[in-house]
Amino acid sequence: MQRFTFRAALVLLVFFVLTALVGPYLIEHDPLKGSLRARLDPPGTPGHPLGTDRLGRDMLARIVEGARISLTVCAVVIAIAGSIGTAVGTLSGYVGGWLDRVLMRLVDLALSLPVILLALLIGAVSGPSFGNIVLVISLVLWSQYARMARGETLRVKTEDYVDLARTSGLTHVQIIARHILPNIAPALIVVATLQVGVVIVLESSLSFLGVGVPPPNPSWGSMVAEGRSYVVTAWWVSLFPGIAILLVVMAVNIVGDALTDRINPGLRGRTA
């Protein structure tokens, strides 16, 4: 049963990724163009299998485009946060001493940042944008990679092969590149996998509050927010993007948990 759940989640995740990559080229409707004559058409309407929103824009086209935007945010945030966190954590764990204490205090500071309030502040100052949402989420998530990288580096650097590398004359940079990073990579991959769901929820929440991806670009969170006023009369406007968020986050978490168990069960408590 557990294997079946993992396979089903993996298939669902691959489906959403393929939808984000090739879906916009297969959908005939423009997600940004609407028609007031087709305003709030229900699901099953000819040409609009998932209905239309308050401006007559096709819901299927907007959900597909929203998948591309959400997964793009995930990829950029994980690349930025993962790179910064890995560099900081690896340096902190390998060097130790006063540098370790200073960097870990920065990590504690980053962990204490309230992401929603920070996003609202930046959004109020500079307005909602793709760059702002990537910046805010990255400012919060890099610290989790840093903690994991530091812990794994402290473990790996005491191994015999690292001592042999030092005695053989390798520089610190060479030791980190050849022996530290390859051996801490599996733990960081697990963290990255589990963070996909977190990023999607944060991006959707911020878009729901109006400080995420700016309109008219379709984001799942903003689509849910747009449908709040029509929950009774046009339930599909909020329901379908909400289901998309639910399915993706659930699939990512199942796949991430399975990877954690396979790579290193001891990571579960540290990535929770």
Protein backbone atom coordinates (compact mmCIF):
# COMPACT_ATOMS: atom_id res chain seq x y z
CA MET A 1 0.00 0.00 0.00
CA GLN A 2 2.83 2.37 0.88
CA ARG A 3 4.60 1.65 -2.42
CA PHE A 4 1.37 2.24 -4.34
CA THR A 5 0.87 5.59 -2.56
CA PHE A 6 4.41 6.64 -3.44
CA ARG A 7 3.98 5.68 -7.10
CA ALA A 8 0.63 7.45 -7.34
CA ALA A 9 2.10 10.60 -5.78
CA LEU A 10 5.09 10.45 -8.12
CA VAL A 11 2.84 10.06 -11.18
CA LEU A 12 0.72 12.99 -9.99
CA LEU A 13 3.81 15.13 -9.45
CA VAL A 14 5.20 14.28 -12.89
CA PHE A 15 1.80 15.11 -14.39
CA PHE A 16 1.81 18.59 -12.85
CA VAL A 17 5.40 19.21 -13.97
CA LEU A 18 4.56 18.19 -17.54
CA THR A 19 1.42 20.32 -17.36
CA ALA A 20 3.51 23.32 -16.36
CA LEU A 21 6.06 22.67 -19.13
CA VAL A 22 3.90 21.81 -22.13
CA GLY A 23 0.36 22.60 -21.00
CA PRO A 24 0.33 26.27 -22.07
CA TYR A 25 1.16 25.21 -25.63
CA LEU A 26 -1.70 22.72 -25.77
CA ILE A 27 -4.49 24.90 -24.38
CA GLU A 28 -6.31 26.86 -27.06
CA HIS A 29 -7.50 29.66 -24.75
CA ASP A 30 -5.39 32.60 -23.64
CA PRO A 31 -5.34 32.65 -19.82
CA LEU A 32 -5.25 36.47 -19.82
CA LYS A 33 -8.06 37.14 -22.29
CA GLY A 34 -11.72 36.85 -21.41
CA SER A 35 -15.17 37.60 -22.68
CA LEU A 36 -17.91 39.16 -20.59
CA ARG A 37 -20.42 37.12 -22.60
CA ALA A 38 -18.82 33.96 -21.15
CA ARG A 39 -18.62 35.39 -17.63
CA LEU A 40 -18.90 32.74 -14.89
CA ASP A 41 -19.85 29.91 -17.23
CA PRO A 42 -20.14 26.69 -15.17
CA PRO A 43 -17.92 23.61 -15.65
CA GLY A 44 -18.93 21.51 -18.64
CA THR A 45 -19.72 24.49 -20.85
CA PRO A 46 -18.64 23.74 -24.45
CA GLY A 47 -15.11 25.04 -24.87
CA HIS A 48 -14.66 25.58 -21.13
CA PRO A 49 -14.50 22.20 -19.34
CA LEU A 50 -13.70 23.83 -15.98
CA GLY A 51 -15.84 26.91 -16.53
CA THR A 52 -14.80 30.56 -16.61
CA ASP A 53 -14.05 33.23 -14.02
CA ARG A 54 -15.67 36.64 -13.39
CA LEU A 55 -14.04 38.11 -16.51
CA GLY A 56 -14.87 35.17 -18.75
CA ARG A 57 -11.33 33.76 -18.76
CA ASP A 58 -11.00 30.02 -19.18
CA MET A 59 -10.34 28.33 -15.83
CA LEU A 60 -8.42 25.39 -17.30
CA ALA A 61 -6.03 27.70 -19.16
CA ARG A 62 -5.47 29.78 -16.02
CA ILE A 63 -4.84 26.75 -13.81
CA VAL A 64 -2.32 25.39 -16.31
CA GLU A 65 -0.59 28.78 -16.50
CA GLY A 66 -0.74 28.99 -12.71
CA ALA A 67 1.10 25.66 -12.50
CA ARG A 68 3.90 27.10 -14.62
CA ILE A 69 4.16 30.18 -12.44
CA SER A 70 4.06 28.23 -9.16
CA LEU A 71 6.68 25.71 -10.27
CA THR A 72 8.88 28.50 -11.64
CA VAL A 73 8.76 30.21 -8.26
CA CYS A 74 9.66 26.87 -6.63
CA ALA A 75 12.64 26.29 -8.92
CA VAL A 76 14.04 29.81 -8.50
CA VAL A 77 13.51 29.92 -4.72
CA ILE A 78 15.03 26.48 -4.12
CA ALA A 79 18.00 27.33 -6.36
CA ILE A 80 18.67 30.62 -4.54
CA ALA A 81 17.87 29.49 -1.00
CA GLY A 82 19.61 26.15 -1.47
CA SER A 83 22.78 27.71 -2.86
CA ILE A 84 23.03 30.34 -0.13
CA GLY A 85 22.10 27.96 2.67
CA THR A 86 24.46 25.23 1.49
CA ALA A 87 27.37 27.66 1.20
CA VAL A 88 26.73 29.19 4.63
CA GLY A 89 26.13 25.87 6.37
CA THR A 90 29.09 24.11 4.81
CA LEU A 91 31.44 26.98 5.64
CA SER A 92 30.10 27.21 9.17
CA GLY A 93 30.45 23.49 9.88
CA TYR A 94 33.85 23.11 8.22
CA VAL A 95 35.59 26.18 9.69
CA GLY A 96 33.87 26.23 13.09
CA GLY A 97 34.96 28.61 15.85
CA TRP A 98 33.80 32.22 15.90
CA LEU A 99 32.66 32.07 12.26
CA ASP A 100 30.33 29.19 13.10
CA ARG A 101 28.81 31.15 15.97
CA VAL A 102 28.28 34.29 13.87
CA LEU A 103 26.74 32.43 10.93
CA MET A 104 24.44 30.40 13.16
CA ARG A 105 23.17 33.59 14.79
CA LEU A 106 22.32 34.83 11.29
CA VAL A 107 20.51 31.56 10.69
CA ASP A 108 18.53 32.01 13.93
CA LEU A 109 17.64 35.54 12.81
CA ALA A 110 16.42 34.28 9.44
CA LEU A 111 14.34 31.56 11.09
CA SER A 112 12.63 34.17 13.27
CA LEU A 113 11.51 36.33 10.33
CA PRO A 114 7.71 36.33 9.91
CA VAL A 115 7.37 35.61 6.21
CA ILE A 116 3.81 36.93 5.83
CA LEU A 117 4.50 40.23 7.61
CA LEU A 118 7.78 40.65 5.73
CA ALA A 119 6.02 40.08 2.41
CA LEU A 120 3.27 42.55 3.29
CA LEU A 121 5.89 45.16 4.19
CA ILE A 122 7.89 44.70 0.97
CA GLY A 123 4.69 44.57 -1.07
CA ALA A 124 3.44 47.80 0.49
CA VAL A 125 6.75 49.54 -0.29
CA SER A 126 7.48 48.30 -3.80
CA GLY A 127 4.27 46.61 -4.89
CA PRO A 128 3.62 42.93 -5.69
CA SER A 129 6.03 41.31 -8.14
CA PHE A 130 7.62 37.99 -9.03
CA GLY A 131 10.98 39.22 -7.74
CA ASN A 132 9.57 40.27 -4.38
CA ILE A 133 7.92 36.93 -3.70
CA VAL A 134 11.12 35.06 -4.62
CA LEU A 135 13.15 37.38 -2.37
CA VAL A 136 10.84 37.02 0.63
CA ILE A 137 10.56 33.23 0.50
CA SER A 138 14.30 32.83 -0.12
CA LEU A 139 15.08 35.01 2.91
CA VAL A 140 13.21 32.56 5.09
CA LEU A 141 14.07 29.17 3.56
CA TRP A 142 17.86 29.48 3.11
CA SER A 143 18.34 29.07 6.86
CA GLN A 144 16.88 25.55 6.82
CA TYR A 145 19.40 24.46 4.20
CA ALA A 146 22.15 26.10 6.25
CA ARG A 147 21.25 24.13 9.37
CA MET A 148 21.13 20.86 7.50
CA ALA A 149 24.38 21.55 5.62
CA ARG A 150 26.16 22.49 8.84
CA GLY A 151 25.01 19.37 10.67
CA GLU A 152 25.98 17.07 7.81
CA THR A 153 29.33 18.84 7.37
CA LEU A 154 30.15 18.37 11.05
CA ARG A 155 29.47 14.66 10.60
CA VAL A 156 31.37 14.19 7.35
CA LYS A 157 34.48 16.20 8.22
CA THR A 158 35.37 13.74 11.00
CA GLU A 159 35.47 10.78 8.60
CA ASP A 160 38.80 9.10 7.90
CA TYR A 161 38.81 9.89 4.18
CA VAL A 162 38.63 13.61 4.97
CA ASP A 163 41.65 13.29 7.29
CA LEU A 164 43.49 11.43 4.54
CA ALA A 165 42.63 14.20 2.09
CA ARG A 166 44.15 16.77 4.44
CA THR A 167 47.36 14.79 4.91
CA SER A 168 47.64 14.28 1.14
CA GLY A 169 47.96 18.04 0.68
CA LEU A 170 44.53 18.98 -0.70
CA THR A 171 43.41 22.54 -0.04
CA HIS A 172 40.31 23.30 2.01
CA VAL A 173 38.41 24.26 -1.13
CA GLN A 174 39.33 20.96 -2.78
CA ILE A 175 38.30 18.99 0.31
CA ILE A 176 34.94 20.73 0.43
CA ALA A 177 34.33 20.29 -3.30
CA ARG A 178 35.50 16.65 -3.55
CA HIS A 179 34.55 15.15 -0.20
CA ILE A 180 32.15 17.36 1.79
CA LEU A 181 29.58 18.53 -0.76
CA PRO A 182 29.08 15.16 -2.54
CA ASN A 183 28.44 13.46 0.80
CA ILE A 184 26.01 16.04 2.18
CA ALA A 185 24.12 16.36 -1.13
CA PRO A 186 21.59 13.54 -0.44
CA ALA A 187 20.39 15.24 2.75
CA LEU A 188 20.07 18.59 0.95
CA ILE A 189 18.13 16.96 -1.91
CA VAL A 190 15.64 15.63 0.62
CA VAL A 191 15.27 19.10 2.14
CA ALA A 192 14.76 20.61 -1.31
CA THR A 193 12.08 18.05 -2.15
CA LEU A 194 10.19 18.72 1.06
CA GLN A 195 10.50 22.49 0.55
CA VAL A 196 8.65 22.37 -2.77
CA GLY A 197 5.34 22.02 -0.94
CA VAL A 198 6.29 24.77 1.49
CA VAL A 199 7.15 27.16 -1.35
CA ILE A 200 3.88 26.46 -3.17
CA VAL A 201 1.84 27.08 -0.02
CA LEU A 202 3.76 30.28 0.78
CA GLU A 203 3.48 31.56 -2.79
CA SER A 204 -0.24 30.79 -2.86
CA SER A 205 -0.76 32.43 0.54
CA LEU A 206 1.10 35.59 -0.47
CA SER A 207 -0.74 35.77 -3.79
CA PHE A 208 -4.01 35.27 -1.90
CA LEU A 209 -3.12 38.32 0.24
CA GLY A 210 -2.29 40.38 -2.85
CA VAL A 211 1.49 40.63 -2.39
CA GLY A 212 2.51 37.75 -4.64
CA VAL A 213 2.51 37.42 -8.41
CA PRO A 214 0.77 40.56 -9.72
CA PRO A 215 -2.44 40.32 -11.77
CA PRO A 216 -3.48 39.55 -14.43
CA ASN A 217 -0.92 36.72 -14.27
CA PRO A 218 -2.77 33.67 -12.93
CA SER A 219 -1.45 32.32 -9.64
CA TRP A 220 -3.32 29.58 -7.82
CA GLY A 221 -3.44 31.67 -4.66
CA SER A 222 -4.75 34.77 -6.41
CA MET A 223 -7.31 32.66 -8.25
CA VAL A 224 -8.63 31.34 -4.95
CA ALA A 225 -8.78 34.92 -3.65
CA GLU A 226 -10.66 36.13 -6.74
CA GLY A 227 -13.32 33.48 -6.20
CA ARG A 228 -14.09 34.41 -2.61
CA SER A 229 -16.98 36.66 -3.61
CA TYR A 230 -18.49 33.93 -5.79
CA VAL A 231 -18.21 30.89 -3.52
CA VAL A 232 -21.98 30.38 -3.49
CA THR A 233 -22.83 31.29 -7.09
CA ALA A 234 -19.59 30.23 -8.85
CA TRP A 235 -17.85 27.74 -6.57
CA TRP A 236 -15.55 26.46 -9.32
CA VAL A 237 -13.54 29.71 -9.43
CA SER A 238 -11.96 28.96 -6.04
CA LEU A 239 -12.40 25.19 -5.86
CA PHE A 240 -10.33 24.05 -8.83
CA PRO A 241 -7.15 26.05 -8.08
CA GLY A 242 -7.54 25.05 -4.43
CA ILE A 243 -7.66 21.38 -5.43
CA ALA A 244 -4.52 21.90 -7.56
CA ILE A 245 -2.67 23.32 -4.55
CA LEU A 246 -3.85 20.44 -2.37
CA LEU A 247 -2.83 17.72 -4.85
CA VAL A 248 0.62 19.13 -5.58
CA VAL A 249 1.53 19.73 -1.94
CA MET A 250 0.25 16.30 -0.94
CA ALA A 251 2.16 14.57 -3.76
CA VAL A 252 5.39 16.43 -2.97
CA ASN A 253 5.17 15.59 0.73
CA ILE A 254 4.57 11.90 0.03
CA VAL A 255 7.50 11.75 -2.40
CA GLY A 256 9.69 13.71 -0.01
CA ASP A 257 8.88 11.42 2.92
CA ALA A 258 9.65 8.38 0.80
CA LEU A 259 12.99 9.83 -0.25
CA THR A 260 13.79 10.60 3.37
CA ASP A 261 13.12 7.01 4.39
CA ARG A 262 15.20 5.61 1.53
CA ILE A 263 18.20 7.93 1.74
CA ASN A 264 18.48 8.33 5.51
CA PRO A 265 15.60 7.69 7.94
CA GLY A 266 17.43 9.75 10.56
CA LEU A 267 16.79 12.90 8.50
CA ARG A 268 13.05 12.79 9.17
CA GLY A 269 13.24 14.50 12.53
CA ARG A 270 15.61 17.18 11.28
CA THR A 271 13.56 18.08 8.20
CA ALA A 272 10.20 18.19 9.97
